[in-house]
Amino acid sequence: MTAANEVVFLLDIDNTLLDNDRIVADLSDHLAREFGDESRNRYWEIFEALRAELGYADYLGALQGYRVGGMNDPRLLMLSSFLVDYPFAERLYPGALDVIAYLRRWGPTVILSDGDVVFQPRKALRSGLWDAVGGRVLIYQHKEQMLDDVEQRYPARHYVMVDDKLRILAAMKKICGDHLTTVFPRQGHYALDPGNIAAYPPADITIEHIGDLINYDFSTLLGIPKADCT
């Protein structure tokens, strides 16, 4: 059995380490420029319907639905390239990679994200996040439901979860209790939505930017009883 680490840091990708809102804006602008406003709007309608069905964002799946819906323009083939070859490294939040390096002083860093099995790993690879965490990347459909798997793969006495969604943090805290420290970076549209803020309890730590974590001392988490998030 793998020995437990003192602390393992679990890091979300979208709007936590990577400015996903800007990526979405770039995609929306590209769709409008290449295909017009009506086609752009239809893509996002398909996207939202698919997200409601799956419970996570599936950009490439929405593109396939967009095509099935009768969009036979050959330029559509290049839209997939826009997504897959997007310069994700340019959308990292300032200090994101420095924070990952800083957190490694106390324990391993692990990407823990929701998403599909093609586009989300591509984000992690092309942004440099995959290498920054030494290939420790977990992507599930619903990560808050997979904490037993996370614990088996990366056992620890304590976990720290950094995520822009209070809903996710609250769900994980309910399961792990004091064995989990939740960190809420107020970045992106989910984190700044007053409705989301009012609907869930506050995180253990709230920061304005991911880079602010460099100023936080996690030494108090060392030597505490082993976590149990099953």
Protein backbone atom coordinates (compact mmCIF):
# COMPACT_ATOMS: atom_id res chain seq x y z
CA MET A 1 0.00 0.00 0.00
CA THR A 2 1.27 3.49 -0.84
CA ALA A 3 2.25 5.52 2.23
CA ALA A 4 0.07 8.52 2.90
CA ASN A 5 1.44 11.98 2.16
CA GLU A 6 1.08 14.63 4.81
CA VAL A 7 -0.87 16.93 2.46
CA VAL A 8 -2.09 16.56 -1.13
CA PHE A 9 -3.21 19.64 -3.06
CA LEU A 10 -6.11 19.11 -5.48
CA LEU A 11 -6.39 21.82 -8.13
CA ASP A 12 -9.23 22.51 -10.52
CA ILE A 13 -8.41 23.78 -14.03
CA ASP A 14 -11.17 26.01 -15.42
CA ASN A 15 -11.28 29.49 -13.87
CA THR A 16 -8.99 28.24 -11.11
CA LEU A 17 -5.64 27.90 -12.87
CA LEU A 18 -6.82 28.71 -16.40
CA ASP A 19 -8.98 31.66 -17.48
CA ASN A 20 -11.70 29.61 -19.13
CA ASP A 21 -14.02 32.61 -19.50
CA ARG A 22 -11.55 34.17 -21.94
CA ILE A 23 -11.33 30.90 -23.87
CA VAL A 24 -15.12 30.81 -24.16
CA ALA A 25 -15.16 34.45 -25.31
CA ASP A 26 -12.54 33.70 -27.97
CA LEU A 27 -14.53 30.70 -29.21
CA SER A 28 -17.74 32.74 -29.31
CA ASP A 29 -16.03 35.51 -31.29
CA HIS A 30 -14.59 32.95 -33.69
CA LEU A 31 -17.98 31.34 -34.26
CA ALA A 32 -19.63 34.69 -34.95
CA ARG A 33 -16.87 35.79 -37.29
CA GLU A 34 -16.81 32.56 -39.31
CA PHE A 35 -20.48 31.53 -39.27
CA GLY A 36 -22.54 34.50 -38.05
CA ASP A 37 -24.41 35.34 -34.87
CA GLU A 38 -27.27 32.92 -35.48
CA SER A 39 -24.95 29.93 -35.85
CA ARG A 40 -22.93 31.02 -32.84
CA ASN A 41 -26.07 31.19 -30.75
CA ARG A 42 -27.16 27.75 -31.93
CA TYR A 43 -23.82 26.27 -30.91
CA TRP A 44 -24.19 27.61 -27.38
CA GLU A 45 -27.76 26.34 -27.17
CA ILE A 46 -26.52 22.86 -28.06
CA PHE A 47 -23.64 23.25 -25.62
CA GLU A 48 -25.92 24.18 -22.70
CA ALA A 49 -28.37 21.38 -23.48
CA LEU A 50 -25.51 18.88 -23.53
CA ARG A 51 -24.08 20.24 -20.28
CA ALA A 52 -27.49 19.86 -18.62
CA GLU A 53 -27.59 16.26 -19.82
CA LEU A 54 -24.02 15.28 -18.94
CA GLY A 55 -23.32 17.51 -15.96
CA TYR A 56 -20.07 18.88 -17.40
CA ALA A 57 -18.92 21.04 -20.32
CA ASP A 58 -18.34 19.15 -23.58
CA TYR A 59 -17.15 21.58 -26.26
CA LEU A 60 -16.29 18.94 -28.84
CA GLY A 61 -19.52 17.05 -28.19
CA ALA A 62 -21.46 20.28 -28.78
CA LEU A 63 -19.54 20.74 -32.03
CA GLN A 64 -20.62 17.29 -33.18
CA GLY A 65 -24.23 18.12 -32.31
CA TYR A 66 -23.84 21.40 -34.17
CA ARG A 67 -22.78 19.46 -37.27
CA VAL A 68 -25.55 16.87 -36.97
CA GLY A 69 -28.01 19.74 -36.83
CA GLY A 70 -27.40 20.50 -40.49
CA MET A 71 -24.31 22.68 -40.51
CA ASN A 72 -22.42 21.16 -43.45
CA ASP A 73 -20.09 24.08 -44.11
CA PRO A 74 -16.59 22.58 -44.68
CA ARG A 75 -15.13 25.39 -42.56
CA LEU A 76 -16.64 23.53 -39.63
CA LEU A 77 -13.77 21.05 -39.91
CA MET A 78 -11.35 23.82 -38.98
CA LEU A 79 -13.37 24.76 -35.93
CA SER A 80 -12.22 21.58 -34.24
CA SER A 81 -8.65 22.69 -34.91
CA PHE A 82 -9.40 26.04 -33.29
CA LEU A 83 -10.40 24.20 -30.14
CA VAL A 84 -7.76 21.48 -30.08
CA ASP A 85 -4.87 23.77 -31.04
CA TYR A 86 -5.92 26.74 -28.92
CA PRO A 87 -2.94 28.41 -27.13
CA PHE A 88 -4.09 27.47 -23.63
CA ALA A 89 -0.76 28.43 -22.06
CA GLU A 90 -1.56 32.06 -22.87
CA ARG A 91 -4.69 31.83 -20.71
CA LEU A 92 -3.08 30.68 -17.49
CA TYR A 93 -3.82 33.06 -14.65
CA PRO A 94 -0.80 35.10 -13.55
CA GLY A 95 1.21 33.13 -11.02
CA ALA A 96 -0.60 29.81 -11.63
CA LEU A 97 2.55 27.81 -12.33
CA ASP A 98 4.42 29.58 -9.52
CA VAL A 99 1.65 28.55 -7.10
CA ILE A 100 1.93 24.91 -8.15
CA ALA A 101 5.68 25.02 -7.55
CA TYR A 102 5.12 26.72 -4.18
CA LEU A 103 2.57 24.14 -3.00
CA ARG A 104 5.01 21.32 -3.70
CA ARG A 105 6.93 22.44 -0.60
CA TRP A 106 4.27 20.69 1.48
CA GLY A 107 3.01 17.88 -0.72
CA PRO A 108 2.11 16.61 -4.18
CA THR A 109 -0.06 18.70 -6.46
CA VAL A 110 -2.81 16.93 -8.42
CA ILE A 111 -5.09 18.30 -11.13
CA LEU A 112 -8.65 17.29 -10.24
CA SER A 113 -11.14 18.37 -12.88
CA ASP A 114 -14.46 17.59 -14.52
CA GLY A 115 -14.81 17.18 -18.26
CA ASP A 116 -14.66 14.96 -21.32
CA VAL A 117 -11.80 12.57 -22.08
CA VAL A 118 -10.39 14.48 -25.08
CA PHE A 119 -10.66 18.25 -24.75
CA GLN A 120 -10.08 18.57 -21.00
CA PRO A 121 -6.83 16.56 -21.03
CA ARG A 122 -5.78 18.64 -24.05
CA LYS A 123 -6.22 21.79 -21.99
CA ALA A 124 -4.03 20.36 -19.25
CA LEU A 125 -1.33 19.33 -21.72
CA ARG A 126 -1.15 22.45 -23.89
CA SER A 127 -1.39 24.84 -20.97
CA GLY A 128 1.63 23.27 -19.28
CA LEU A 129 -0.39 22.20 -16.24
CA TRP A 130 0.11 18.50 -16.96
CA ASP A 131 3.88 18.80 -16.71
CA ALA A 132 3.68 21.24 -13.79
CA VAL A 133 2.01 18.57 -11.62
CA GLY A 134 4.24 15.77 -12.89
CA GLY A 135 1.43 14.05 -14.81
CA ARG A 136 -0.80 13.71 -11.75
CA VAL A 137 -4.03 14.51 -13.59
CA LEU A 138 -7.49 13.17 -12.72
CA ILE A 139 -10.50 14.07 -14.86
CA TYR A 140 -13.92 12.70 -13.97
CA GLN A 141 -17.49 13.38 -14.99
CA HIS A 142 -18.32 14.44 -11.42
CA LYS A 143 -15.17 14.77 -9.34
CA GLU A 144 -17.00 15.38 -6.06
CA GLN A 145 -18.41 11.84 -6.39
CA MET A 146 -14.99 10.26 -6.91
CA LEU A 147 -13.19 11.11 -3.69
CA ASP A 148 -12.70 7.46 -2.76
CA ASP A 149 -10.81 6.96 -6.02
CA VAL A 150 -8.77 10.11 -5.41
CA GLU A 151 -7.85 8.88 -1.94
CA GLN A 152 -6.77 5.47 -3.23
CA ARG A 153 -4.56 7.02 -5.88
CA TYR A 154 -3.12 9.78 -3.72
CA PRO A 155 -3.53 8.87 -0.03
CA ALA A 156 -2.92 11.73 2.38
CA ARG A 157 -3.40 12.79 5.97
CA HIS A 158 -5.05 15.95 4.71
CA TYR A 159 -6.32 17.36 1.41
CA VAL A 160 -6.56 20.90 0.11
CA MET A 161 -9.06 21.52 -2.71
CA VAL A 162 -8.75 24.70 -4.78
CA ASP A 163 -11.81 25.37 -6.93
CA ASP A 164 -13.78 28.36 -8.24
CA LYS A 165 -17.13 26.63 -7.59
CA LEU A 166 -18.50 26.82 -4.07
CA ARG A 167 -20.92 24.00 -4.95
CA ILE A 168 -18.02 21.61 -5.50
CA LEU A 169 -16.18 22.77 -2.39
CA ALA A 170 -19.29 22.39 -0.23
CA ALA A 171 -20.00 18.89 -1.55
CA MET A 172 -16.44 17.74 -0.88
CA LYS A 173 -16.36 19.37 2.56
CA LYS A 174 -19.56 17.56 3.50
CA ILE A 175 -17.89 14.24 2.75
CA CYS A 176 -14.38 14.88 4.13
CA GLY A 177 -15.12 17.32 6.94
CA ASP A 178 -12.05 18.56 8.79
CA HIS A 179 -9.80 16.33 6.69
CA LEU A 180 -10.23 18.77 3.80
CA THR A 181 -9.34 22.45 3.57
CA THR A 182 -11.30 24.24 0.84
CA VAL A 183 -9.85 27.21 -1.04
CA PHE A 184 -12.08 29.49 -3.10
CA PRO A 185 -10.42 31.78 -5.67
CA ARG A 186 -12.92 34.47 -6.66
CA GLN A 187 -12.20 34.21 -10.38
CA GLY A 188 -14.58 33.69 -13.26
CA HIS A 189 -18.31 34.03 -13.65
CA TYR A 190 -19.26 31.18 -11.28
CA ALA A 191 -17.20 32.59 -8.43
CA LEU A 192 -18.55 36.11 -8.89
CA ASP A 193 -22.21 35.12 -9.23
CA PRO A 194 -24.09 36.46 -6.14
CA GLY A 195 -26.56 33.59 -6.38
CA ASN A 196 -23.82 30.99 -6.10
CA ILE A 197 -22.20 32.83 -3.21
CA ALA A 198 -25.50 32.97 -1.32
CA ALA A 199 -26.44 29.35 -2.03
CA TYR A 200 -23.43 27.65 -0.42
CA PRO A 201 -21.39 28.00 2.76
CA PRO A 202 -18.12 29.91 2.51
CA ALA A 203 -14.87 28.08 1.88
CA ASP A 204 -12.24 27.70 4.58
CA ILE A 205 -10.00 30.09 2.66
CA THR A 206 -11.13 32.74 0.17
CA ILE A 207 -8.64 34.51 -2.08
CA GLU A 208 -9.09 37.02 -4.88
CA HIS A 209 -6.55 35.49 -7.27
CA ILE A 210 -4.86 32.10 -7.55
CA GLY A 211 -1.50 33.84 -7.20
CA ASP A 212 -2.45 34.89 -3.66
CA LEU A 213 -1.83 31.33 -2.44
CA ILE A 214 1.89 32.04 -2.49
CA ASN A 215 1.30 34.16 0.62
CA TYR A 216 -0.37 31.31 2.54
CA ASP A 217 1.48 29.11 5.04
CA PHE A 218 0.21 25.52 4.93
CA SER A 219 2.61 24.20 7.58
CA THR A 220 -0.26 24.04 10.10
CA LEU A 221 -1.72 21.14 8.10
CA LEU A 222 1.28 18.90 8.76
CA GLY A 223 1.09 16.05 11.26
CA ILE A 224 -2.69 15.88 11.58
CA PRO A 225 -4.66 12.57 11.61
CA LYS A 226 -5.06 10.71 8.33
CA ALA A 227 -7.93 11.78 6.09
CA ASP A 228 -10.91 9.60 5.35
CA CYS A 229 -13.07 10.86 2.48
CA THR A 230 -14.78 7.56 1.70
